Amino acid sequence: MLRRILGEDVILNHKLEEELWGVEADRGQLEQVIMSLCFNVVTPCLRVVRST
């Protein structure tokens, strides 16, 4: 689903620290947060490209 939001020209890269602690979270809510963050990053970039 992130691929559809980001598009094929955007590379999704993540790096996790080795000593992270565990958390309990709702998977659906966590996915929504990640998708919102990605959408908020990509949307302004698309506006700049389209307006030039």
C-alpha atoms as a PDB file:
ATOM      1  CA  MET A   1       0.000   0.000   0.000  1.00  0.00           C
ATOM      2  CA  LEU A   2       2.877   2.383   0.698  1.00  0.00           C
ATOM      3  CA  ARG A   3       4.151   1.836  -2.834  1.00  0.00           C
ATOM      4  CA  ARG A   4       0.888   3.249  -4.223  1.00  0.00           C
ATOM      5  CA  ILE A   5       1.139   6.316  -1.977  1.00  0.00           C
ATOM      6  CA  LEU A   6       4.828   6.931  -2.564  1.00  0.00           C
ATOM      7  CA  GLY A   7       4.943   6.135  -6.274  1.00  0.00           C
ATOM      8  CA  GLU A   8       7.610   4.167  -8.058  1.00  0.00           C
ATOM      9  CA  ASP A   9      10.195   6.968  -8.083  1.00  0.00           C
ATOM     10  CA  VAL A  10      10.471   7.140  -4.281  1.00  0.00           C
ATOM     11  CA  ILE A  11      12.752   4.762  -2.387  1.00  0.00           C
ATOM     12  CA  LEU A  12      11.535   3.727   1.048  1.00  0.00           C
ATOM     13  CA  ASN A  13      14.493   3.047   3.317  1.00  0.00           C
ATOM     14  CA  HIS A  14      14.549   2.432   7.045  1.00  0.00           C
ATOM     15  CA  LYS A  15      17.240   1.743   9.597  1.00  0.00           C
ATOM     16  CA  LEU A  16      16.386   0.389  13.016  1.00  0.00           C
ATOM     17  CA  GLU A  17      18.676   0.734  15.990  1.00  0.00           C
ATOM     18  CA  GLU A  18      19.911  -2.557  17.411  1.00  0.00           C
ATOM     19  CA  GLU A  19      18.890  -1.868  20.992  1.00  0.00           C
ATOM     20  CA  LEU A  20      15.275  -0.778  20.562  1.00  0.00           C
ATOM     21  CA  TRP A  21      12.806  -1.683  23.286  1.00  0.00           C
ATOM     22  CA  GLY A  22       9.587  -3.494  22.597  1.00  0.00           C
ATOM     23  CA  VAL A  23       6.236  -1.703  22.491  1.00  0.00           C
ATOM     24  CA  GLU A  24       2.628  -2.786  22.348  1.00  0.00           C
ATOM     25  CA  ALA A  25       0.709  -1.031  19.589  1.00  0.00           C
ATOM     26  CA  ASP A  26      -2.288  -1.612  17.389  1.00  0.00           C
ATOM     27  CA  ARG A  27      -1.008  -2.687  13.974  1.00  0.00           C
ATOM     28  CA  GLY A  28      -3.697  -0.792  12.083  1.00  0.00           C
ATOM     29  CA  GLN A  29      -3.006   2.456  13.921  1.00  0.00           C
ATOM     30  CA  LEU A  30       0.740   2.099  13.410  1.00  0.00           C
ATOM     31  CA  GLU A  31       0.265   1.486   9.677  1.00  0.00           C
ATOM     32  CA  GLN A  32      -1.982   4.569   9.468  1.00  0.00           C
ATOM     33  CA  VAL A  33       0.658   6.725  11.170  1.00  0.00           C
ATOM     34  CA  ILE A  34       3.388   5.514   8.796  1.00  0.00           C
ATOM     35  CA  MET A  35       1.172   6.078   5.740  1.00  0.00           C
ATOM     36  CA  SER A  36       0.251   9.577   6.934  1.00  0.00           C
ATOM     37  CA  LEU A  37       3.902  10.481   7.474  1.00  0.00           C
ATOM     38  CA  CYS A  38       4.854   9.214   4.020  1.00  0.00           C
ATOM     39  CA  PHE A  39       1.939  11.017   2.384  1.00  0.00           C
ATOM     40  CA  ASN A  40       2.842  14.264   4.154  1.00  0.00           C
ATOM     41  CA  VAL A  41       6.424  14.011   2.884  1.00  0.00           C
ATOM     42  CA  VAL A  42       5.595  13.096  -0.710  1.00  0.00           C
ATOM     43  CA  THR A  43       2.693  15.506  -1.340  1.00  0.00           C
ATOM     44  CA  PRO A  44       4.709  18.773  -1.144  1.00  0.00           C
ATOM     45  CA  CYS A  45       7.400  17.252  -3.370  1.00  0.00           C
ATOM     46  CA  LEU A  46       4.820  16.432  -6.043  1.00  0.00           C
ATOM     47  CA  ARG A  47       3.475  19.978  -5.928  1.00  0.00           C
ATOM     48  CA  VAL A  48       6.944  21.390  -6.580  1.00  0.00           C
ATOM     49  CA  VAL A  49       7.552  19.045  -9.508  1.00  0.00           C
ATOM     50  CA  ARG A  50       4.151  19.740 -11.076  1.00  0.00           C
ATOM     51  CA  SER A  51       4.429  23.511 -10.749  1.00  0.00           C
ATOM     52  CA  THR A  52       7.742  23.796 -12.596  1.00  0.00           C
END
